[in-house]
Amino acid sequence: YRLLIVCGILQLIASILFTCHAVLGHHLQWLFLTLGCEHLCLGVSQIALIAYLSQLCQVPFVASHYALLSSFASLVRVSFSGVAGFAADHLTWPEFYLCVCVSCIPSLLLLLCCPRHFSKISETIDPEQRHEVVARA
């Protein structure tokens, strides 16, 4: 749960860096900083998402449940990419990246408003079962 919050905040910071880079213009140092932060955030966020989705799965059906949940996550990404392309065509880059920053806020608020959901997930999964799933993989 805490890692998901940290990843959300890091992704918001990366989006802010993209906004700053768009405002500042062509600065190679800002580009390296922005892309480095973005790639770090994406890597850590993928790990947090995989861990969270794995906790949602029942042990005997981890592979099929994980495949379904990750497909739903990809469906959202794919369906909003057209909207992002339309917005990028009709907004300036600083405005577009500012919209991306604003779009991070609802997910962070949802994470902060629902901590009980995450504690229930970790209580329902037996640590021995988690170890057993890792050992099988």
N, C-alpha and C. Protein backbone atom coordinates (compact mmCIF):
# COMPACT_ATOMS: atom_id res chain seq x y z
N TYR A 1 0.83 -1.19 0.00
CA TYR A 1 0.00 0.00 0.00
C TYR A 1 0.87 1.25 0.00
N ARG A 2 1.85 1.26 0.89
CA ARG A 2 2.73 2.43 0.95
C ARG A 2 3.52 2.61 -0.34
N LEU A 3 3.91 1.48 -0.93
CA LEU A 3 4.67 1.57 -2.19
C LEU A 3 3.79 2.14 -3.31
N LEU A 4 2.51 1.79 -3.32
CA LEU A 4 1.61 2.36 -4.32
C LEU A 4 1.49 3.87 -4.15
N ILE A 5 1.41 4.33 -2.91
CA ILE A 5 1.34 5.78 -2.66
C ILE A 5 2.64 6.47 -3.09
N VAL A 6 3.77 5.87 -2.72
CA VAL A 6 5.06 6.45 -3.11
C VAL A 6 5.19 6.51 -4.63
N CYS A 7 4.77 5.44 -5.31
CA CYS A 7 4.84 5.41 -6.77
C CYS A 7 3.92 6.46 -7.40
N GLY A 8 2.74 6.66 -6.82
CA GLY A 8 1.84 7.69 -7.32
C GLY A 8 2.44 9.08 -7.17
N ILE A 9 3.08 9.33 -6.04
CA ILE A 9 3.72 10.62 -5.81
C ILE A 9 4.91 10.80 -6.75
N LEU A 10 5.70 9.73 -6.93
CA LEU A 10 6.83 9.81 -7.86
C LEU A 10 6.37 10.06 -9.29
N GLN A 11 5.27 9.42 -9.68
CA GLN A 11 4.74 9.65 -11.03
C GLN A 11 4.25 11.08 -11.19
N LEU A 12 3.65 11.64 -10.14
CA LEU A 12 3.23 13.04 -10.16
C LEU A 12 4.45 13.95 -10.31
N ILE A 13 5.52 13.64 -9.59
CA ILE A 13 6.76 14.44 -9.70
C ILE A 13 7.34 14.34 -11.11
N ALA A 14 7.33 13.14 -11.67
CA ALA A 14 7.83 12.97 -13.04
C ALA A 14 7.00 13.78 -14.03
N SER A 15 5.68 13.82 -13.83
CA SER A 15 4.82 14.62 -14.70
C SER A 15 5.11 16.11 -14.54
N ILE A 16 5.38 16.52 -13.32
CA ILE A 16 5.74 17.92 -13.08
C ILE A 16 7.06 18.25 -13.77
N LEU A 17 8.01 17.30 -13.75
CA LEU A 17 9.28 17.52 -14.44
C LEU A 17 9.07 17.66 -15.95
N PHE A 18 8.16 16.88 -16.51
CA PHE A 18 7.85 17.03 -17.93
C PHE A 18 7.26 18.42 -18.21
N THR A 19 6.40 18.90 -17.31
CA THR A 19 5.83 20.24 -17.47
C THR A 19 6.93 21.30 -17.42
N CYS A 20 7.84 21.16 -16.45
CA CYS A 20 8.95 22.12 -16.35
C CYS A 20 9.83 22.06 -17.59
N HIS A 21 10.08 20.87 -18.09
CA HIS A 21 10.90 20.73 -19.29
C HIS A 21 10.23 21.38 -20.50
N ALA A 22 8.90 21.24 -20.60
CA ALA A 22 8.18 21.86 -21.72
C ALA A 22 8.22 23.38 -21.61
N VAL A 23 8.19 23.91 -20.40
CA VAL A 23 8.23 25.37 -20.21
C VAL A 23 9.64 25.90 -20.47
N LEU A 24 10.67 25.18 -20.00
CA LEU A 24 12.04 25.66 -20.14
C LEU A 24 12.57 25.54 -21.56
N GLY A 25 12.08 24.60 -22.31
CA GLY A 25 12.57 24.44 -23.68
C GLY A 25 13.67 23.40 -23.75
N HIS A 26 14.58 23.61 -24.69
CA HIS A 26 15.62 22.62 -24.99
C HIS A 26 16.79 22.75 -24.02
N HIS A 27 16.76 21.95 -22.96
CA HIS A 27 17.87 21.87 -22.01
C HIS A 27 18.19 20.39 -21.82
N LEU A 28 19.36 19.99 -22.23
CA LEU A 28 19.73 18.59 -22.21
C LEU A 28 19.76 18.02 -20.78
N GLN A 29 20.20 18.83 -19.81
CA GLN A 29 20.25 18.37 -18.43
C GLN A 29 18.84 18.07 -17.90
N TRP A 30 17.89 18.95 -18.21
CA TRP A 30 16.50 18.73 -17.78
C TRP A 30 15.93 17.49 -18.45
N LEU A 31 16.28 17.28 -19.71
CA LEU A 31 15.81 16.10 -20.42
C LEU A 31 16.32 14.83 -19.75
N PHE A 32 17.61 14.78 -19.40
CA PHE A 32 18.16 13.61 -18.72
C PHE A 32 17.51 13.40 -17.37
N LEU A 33 17.34 14.47 -16.62
CA LEU A 33 16.70 14.37 -15.30
C LEU A 33 15.26 13.89 -15.43
N THR A 34 14.52 14.46 -16.37
CA THR A 34 13.12 14.11 -16.56
C THR A 34 12.96 12.66 -17.00
N LEU A 35 13.72 12.25 -18.01
CA LEU A 35 13.60 10.89 -18.50
C LEU A 35 14.11 9.86 -17.48
N GLY A 36 15.16 10.20 -16.76
CA GLY A 36 15.66 9.30 -15.72
C GLY A 36 14.62 9.10 -14.62
N CYS A 37 14.02 10.19 -14.18
CA CYS A 37 12.98 10.10 -13.16
C CYS A 37 11.76 9.32 -13.67
N GLU A 38 11.38 9.57 -14.90
CA GLU A 38 10.23 8.88 -15.50
C GLU A 38 10.47 7.37 -15.58
N HIS A 39 11.63 6.98 -16.05
CA HIS A 39 11.92 5.55 -16.19
C HIS A 39 12.05 4.87 -14.83
N LEU A 40 12.62 5.56 -13.86
CA LEU A 40 12.69 5.02 -12.50
C LEU A 40 11.28 4.83 -11.93
N CYS A 41 10.44 5.83 -12.12
CA CYS A 41 9.06 5.74 -11.63
C CYS A 41 8.30 4.61 -12.31
N LEU A 42 8.48 4.45 -13.60
CA LEU A 42 7.78 3.38 -14.32
C LEU A 42 8.23 2.01 -13.85
N GLY A 43 9.51 1.83 -13.63
CA GLY A 43 10.01 0.54 -13.17
C GLY A 43 9.48 0.19 -11.79
N VAL A 44 9.57 1.13 -10.86
CA VAL A 44 9.09 0.88 -9.51
C VAL A 44 7.57 0.71 -9.50
N SER A 45 6.87 1.49 -10.31
CA SER A 45 5.41 1.38 -10.38
C SER A 45 4.97 0.03 -10.94
N GLN A 46 5.69 -0.49 -11.91
CA GLN A 46 5.35 -1.81 -12.45
C GLN A 46 5.52 -2.88 -11.38
N ILE A 47 6.57 -2.78 -10.60
CA ILE A 47 6.79 -3.75 -9.52
C ILE A 47 5.66 -3.65 -8.50
N ALA A 48 5.28 -2.43 -8.13
CA ALA A 48 4.19 -2.25 -7.15
C ALA A 48 2.88 -2.78 -7.70
N LEU A 49 2.61 -2.55 -8.98
CA LEU A 49 1.36 -3.03 -9.58
C LEU A 49 1.34 -4.56 -9.63
N ILE A 50 2.46 -5.17 -10.00
CA ILE A 50 2.52 -6.63 -10.04
C ILE A 50 2.33 -7.21 -8.65
N ALA A 51 2.94 -6.60 -7.65
CA ALA A 51 2.78 -7.09 -6.28
C ALA A 51 1.33 -6.94 -5.81
N TYR A 52 0.72 -5.81 -6.12
CA TYR A 52 -0.67 -5.59 -5.72
C TYR A 52 -1.61 -6.56 -6.43
N LEU A 53 -1.46 -6.72 -7.74
CA LEU A 53 -2.32 -7.65 -8.47
C LEU A 53 -2.11 -9.09 -8.02
N SER A 54 -0.89 -9.44 -7.67
CA SER A 54 -0.63 -10.79 -7.18
C SER A 54 -1.30 -11.03 -5.84
N GLN A 55 -1.40 -10.00 -5.01
CA GLN A 55 -2.10 -10.15 -3.73
C GLN A 55 -3.59 -10.32 -3.92
N LEU A 56 -4.14 -9.79 -5.00
CA LEU A 56 -5.57 -9.93 -5.25
C LEU A 56 -5.94 -11.33 -5.73
N CYS A 57 -4.96 -12.08 -6.22
CA CYS A 57 -5.22 -13.38 -6.83
C CYS A 57 -5.28 -14.48 -5.77
N GLN A 58 -6.11 -15.48 -6.03
CA GLN A 58 -6.15 -16.65 -5.18
C GLN A 58 -5.00 -17.57 -5.58
N VAL A 59 -4.40 -18.22 -4.59
CA VAL A 59 -3.18 -18.98 -4.81
C VAL A 59 -3.30 -20.04 -5.91
N PRO A 60 -4.34 -20.87 -5.95
CA PRO A 60 -4.36 -21.90 -6.99
C PRO A 60 -4.54 -21.34 -8.41
N PHE A 61 -5.04 -20.11 -8.51
CA PHE A 61 -5.35 -19.54 -9.82
C PHE A 61 -4.57 -18.27 -10.12
N VAL A 62 -3.37 -18.16 -9.57
CA VAL A 62 -2.60 -16.92 -9.69
C VAL A 62 -2.37 -16.55 -11.15
N ALA A 63 -1.98 -17.49 -11.97
CA ALA A 63 -1.64 -17.17 -13.36
C ALA A 63 -2.84 -16.64 -14.13
N SER A 64 -3.98 -17.31 -14.03
CA SER A 64 -5.15 -16.86 -14.80
C SER A 64 -5.72 -15.57 -14.24
N HIS A 65 -5.77 -15.43 -12.91
CA HIS A 65 -6.27 -14.18 -12.32
C HIS A 65 -5.36 -13.02 -12.67
N TYR A 66 -4.06 -13.24 -12.57
CA TYR A 66 -3.13 -12.17 -12.90
C TYR A 66 -3.25 -11.78 -14.37
N ALA A 67 -3.42 -12.75 -15.25
CA ALA A 67 -3.56 -12.45 -16.68
C ALA A 67 -4.81 -11.59 -16.92
N LEU A 68 -5.92 -11.94 -16.27
CA LEU A 68 -7.14 -11.15 -16.44
C LEU A 68 -6.99 -9.74 -15.88
N LEU A 69 -6.45 -9.62 -14.66
CA LEU A 69 -6.30 -8.29 -14.06
C LEU A 69 -5.34 -7.41 -14.84
N SER A 70 -4.23 -7.97 -15.30
CA SER A 70 -3.29 -7.15 -16.07
C SER A 70 -3.87 -6.77 -17.43
N SER A 71 -4.73 -7.63 -18.00
CA SER A 71 -5.39 -7.28 -19.26
C SER A 71 -6.35 -6.11 -19.07
N PHE A 72 -7.08 -6.11 -17.95
CA PHE A 72 -7.96 -4.98 -17.67
C PHE A 72 -7.17 -3.69 -17.48
N ALA A 73 -6.03 -3.78 -16.81
CA ALA A 73 -5.18 -2.60 -16.63
C ALA A 73 -4.68 -2.09 -17.97
N SER A 74 -4.31 -2.99 -18.87
CA SER A 74 -3.85 -2.58 -20.20
C SER A 74 -4.98 -2.01 -21.04
N LEU A 75 -6.19 -2.51 -20.83
CA LEU A 75 -7.34 -2.00 -21.56
C LEU A 75 -7.56 -0.51 -21.29
N VAL A 76 -7.41 -0.12 -20.04
CA VAL A 76 -7.56 1.30 -19.69
C VAL A 76 -6.47 2.12 -20.37
N ARG A 77 -5.24 1.63 -20.33
CA ARG A 77 -4.13 2.36 -20.95
C ARG A 77 -4.35 2.53 -22.45
N VAL A 78 -4.77 1.47 -23.11
CA VAL A 78 -4.97 1.51 -24.55
C VAL A 78 -6.15 2.40 -24.92
N SER A 79 -7.24 2.34 -24.15
CA SER A 79 -8.42 3.11 -24.51
C SER A 79 -8.23 4.61 -24.27
N PHE A 80 -7.36 5.01 -23.34
CA PHE A 80 -7.14 6.43 -23.12
C PHE A 80 -6.03 7.01 -23.99
N SER A 81 -5.30 6.19 -24.70
CA SER A 81 -4.21 6.72 -25.52
C SER A 81 -4.75 7.58 -26.67
N GLY A 82 -5.91 7.24 -27.20
CA GLY A 82 -6.51 8.07 -28.25
C GLY A 82 -6.91 9.44 -27.73
N VAL A 83 -7.45 9.47 -26.53
CA VAL A 83 -7.82 10.75 -25.91
C VAL A 83 -6.58 11.58 -25.66
N ALA A 84 -5.50 10.94 -25.23
CA ALA A 84 -4.25 11.67 -25.00
C ALA A 84 -3.69 12.24 -26.29
N GLY A 85 -3.78 11.49 -27.39
CA GLY A 85 -3.32 12.00 -28.67
C GLY A 85 -4.13 13.20 -29.13
N PHE A 86 -5.46 13.13 -28.93
CA PHE A 86 -6.32 14.26 -29.29
C PHE A 86 -5.98 15.48 -28.45
N ALA A 87 -5.77 15.28 -27.14
CA ALA A 87 -5.42 16.39 -26.25
C ALA A 87 -4.07 16.99 -26.62
N ALA A 88 -3.11 16.14 -26.97
CA ALA A 88 -1.78 16.63 -27.34
C ALA A 88 -1.83 17.46 -28.62
N ASP A 89 -2.75 17.13 -29.52
CA ASP A 89 -2.90 17.91 -30.75
C ASP A 89 -3.54 19.28 -30.51
N HIS A 90 -4.38 19.39 -29.49
CA HIS A 90 -5.15 20.61 -29.29
C HIS A 90 -4.66 21.47 -28.13
N LEU A 91 -3.66 21.01 -27.41
CA LEU A 91 -3.11 21.79 -26.29
C LEU A 91 -1.63 22.05 -26.55
N THR A 92 -1.08 23.03 -25.86
CA THR A 92 0.37 23.20 -25.89
C THR A 92 0.98 22.12 -25.00
N TRP A 93 2.28 21.87 -25.15
CA TRP A 93 2.90 20.83 -24.34
C TRP A 93 2.84 21.12 -22.85
N PRO A 94 3.10 22.35 -22.39
CA PRO A 94 2.94 22.60 -20.95
C PRO A 94 1.51 22.34 -20.45
N GLU A 95 0.51 22.74 -21.25
CA GLU A 95 -0.88 22.47 -20.86
C GLU A 95 -1.16 20.98 -20.82
N PHE A 96 -0.66 20.25 -21.81
CA PHE A 96 -0.87 18.81 -21.86
C PHE A 96 -0.26 18.12 -20.64
N TYR A 97 0.98 18.46 -20.31
CA TYR A 97 1.64 17.83 -19.17
C TYR A 97 1.00 18.26 -17.86
N LEU A 98 0.45 19.46 -17.81
CA LEU A 98 -0.27 19.88 -16.62
C LEU A 98 -1.55 19.06 -16.46
N CYS A 99 -2.21 18.75 -17.56
CA CYS A 99 -3.39 17.86 -17.50
C CYS A 99 -3.00 16.46 -17.03
N VAL A 100 -1.83 16.00 -17.44
CA VAL A 100 -1.34 14.70 -16.97
C VAL A 100 -1.11 14.75 -15.47
N CYS A 101 -0.54 15.86 -14.97
CA CYS A 101 -0.33 16.02 -13.52
C CYS A 101 -1.66 15.97 -12.78
N VAL A 102 -2.64 16.67 -13.30
CA VAL A 102 -3.96 16.71 -12.66
C VAL A 102 -4.61 15.33 -12.68
N SER A 103 -4.36 14.56 -13.74
CA SER A 103 -4.96 13.22 -13.83
C SER A 103 -4.37 12.24 -12.81
N CYS A 104 -3.20 12.55 -12.25
CA CYS A 104 -2.62 11.69 -11.21
C CYS A 104 -3.33 11.87 -9.87
N ILE A 105 -3.93 13.00 -9.66
CA ILE A 105 -4.51 13.33 -8.35
C ILE A 105 -5.66 12.41 -7.95
N PRO A 106 -6.63 12.08 -8.83
CA PRO A 106 -7.72 11.20 -8.39
C PRO A 106 -7.24 9.82 -7.91
N SER A 107 -6.25 9.26 -8.57
CA SER A 107 -5.77 7.95 -8.12
C SER A 107 -5.08 8.05 -6.76
N LEU A 108 -4.34 9.13 -6.53
CA LEU A 108 -3.73 9.32 -5.22
C LEU A 108 -4.78 9.52 -4.14
N LEU A 109 -5.82 10.29 -4.45
CA LEU A 109 -6.90 10.48 -3.47
C LEU A 109 -7.62 9.17 -3.18
N LEU A 110 -7.82 8.36 -4.20
CA LEU A 110 -8.46 7.06 -4.00
C LEU A 110 -7.60 6.17 -3.11
N LEU A 111 -6.30 6.17 -3.33
CA LEU A 111 -5.41 5.40 -2.47
C LEU A 111 -5.45 5.88 -1.03
N LEU A 112 -5.46 7.20 -0.84
CA LEU A 112 -5.45 7.75 0.50
C LEU A 112 -6.79 7.58 1.22
N CYS A 113 -7.88 7.54 0.47
CA CYS A 113 -9.21 7.42 1.09
C CYS A 113 -9.59 5.98 1.39
N CYS A 114 -8.90 5.01 0.84
CA CYS A 114 -9.29 3.59 0.99
C CYS A 114 -8.19 2.75 1.61
N PRO A 115 -7.57 3.15 2.70
CA PRO A 115 -6.49 2.31 3.25
C PRO A 115 -7.01 1.01 3.84
N ARG A 116 -8.27 0.98 4.28
CA ARG A 116 -8.82 -0.25 4.87
C ARG A 116 -8.86 -1.38 3.85
N HIS A 117 -9.12 -1.06 2.59
CA HIS A 117 -9.16 -2.08 1.55
C HIS A 117 -7.82 -2.81 1.45
N PHE A 118 -6.74 -2.07 1.55
CA PHE A 118 -5.42 -2.68 1.41
C PHE A 118 -5.04 -3.49 2.64
N SER A 119 -5.47 -3.06 3.82
CA SER A 119 -5.17 -3.86 5.01
C SER A 119 -5.95 -5.16 4.99
N LYS A 120 -7.18 -5.16 4.45
CA LYS A 120 -7.95 -6.39 4.35
C LYS A 120 -7.28 -7.38 3.40
N ILE A 121 -6.70 -6.89 2.33
CA ILE A 121 -6.03 -7.77 1.37
C ILE A 121 -4.85 -8.46 2.05
N SER A 122 -4.01 -7.70 2.77
CA SER A 122 -2.85 -8.33 3.38
C SER A 122 -3.23 -9.25 4.53
N GLU A 123 -4.39 -9.02 5.17
CA GLU A 123 -4.81 -9.91 6.25
C GLU A 123 -5.34 -11.23 5.72
N THR A 124 -6.00 -11.23 4.54
CA THR A 124 -6.62 -12.44 4.03
C THR A 124 -5.64 -13.40 3.39
N ILE A 125 -4.45 -12.95 3.07
CA ILE A 125 -3.48 -13.82 2.41
C ILE A 125 -2.49 -14.34 3.45
N ASP A 126 -2.41 -15.63 3.56
CA ASP A 126 -1.51 -16.28 4.49
C ASP A 126 -0.07 -16.14 3.99
N PRO A 127 0.86 -15.69 4.85
CA PRO A 127 2.24 -15.52 4.40
C PRO A 127 2.86 -16.81 3.87
N GLU A 128 2.44 -17.98 4.41
CA GLU A 128 2.97 -19.24 3.91
C GLU A 128 2.53 -19.50 2.47
N GLN A 129 1.29 -19.09 2.15
CA GLN A 129 0.82 -19.26 0.78
C GLN A 129 1.59 -18.36 -0.17
N ARG A 130 1.92 -17.14 0.27
CA ARG A 130 2.72 -16.25 -0.57
C ARG A 130 4.07 -16.88 -0.87
N HIS A 131 4.68 -17.47 0.16
CA HIS A 131 5.98 -18.12 -0.02
C HIS A 131 5.85 -19.30 -0.98
N GLU A 132 4.75 -20.03 -0.88
CA GLU A 132 4.52 -21.18 -1.74
C GLU A 132 4.39 -20.75 -3.21
N VAL A 133 3.68 -19.64 -3.45
CA VAL A 133 3.52 -19.14 -4.82
C VAL A 133 4.86 -18.70 -5.40
N VAL A 134 5.66 -18.03 -4.60
CA VAL A 134 6.98 -17.57 -5.05
C VAL A 134 7.86 -18.78 -5.35
N ALA A 135 7.78 -19.81 -4.51
CA ALA A 135 8.61 -21.00 -4.72
C ALA A 135 8.22 -21.73 -6.01
N ARG A 136 6.92 -21.73 -6.36
CA ARG A 136 6.48 -22.37 -7.59
C ARG A 136 6.99 -21.65 -8.82
N ALA A 137 7.04 -20.31 -8.73
CA ALA A 137 7.49 -19.52 -9.88
C ALA A 137 8.95 -19.69 -10.05
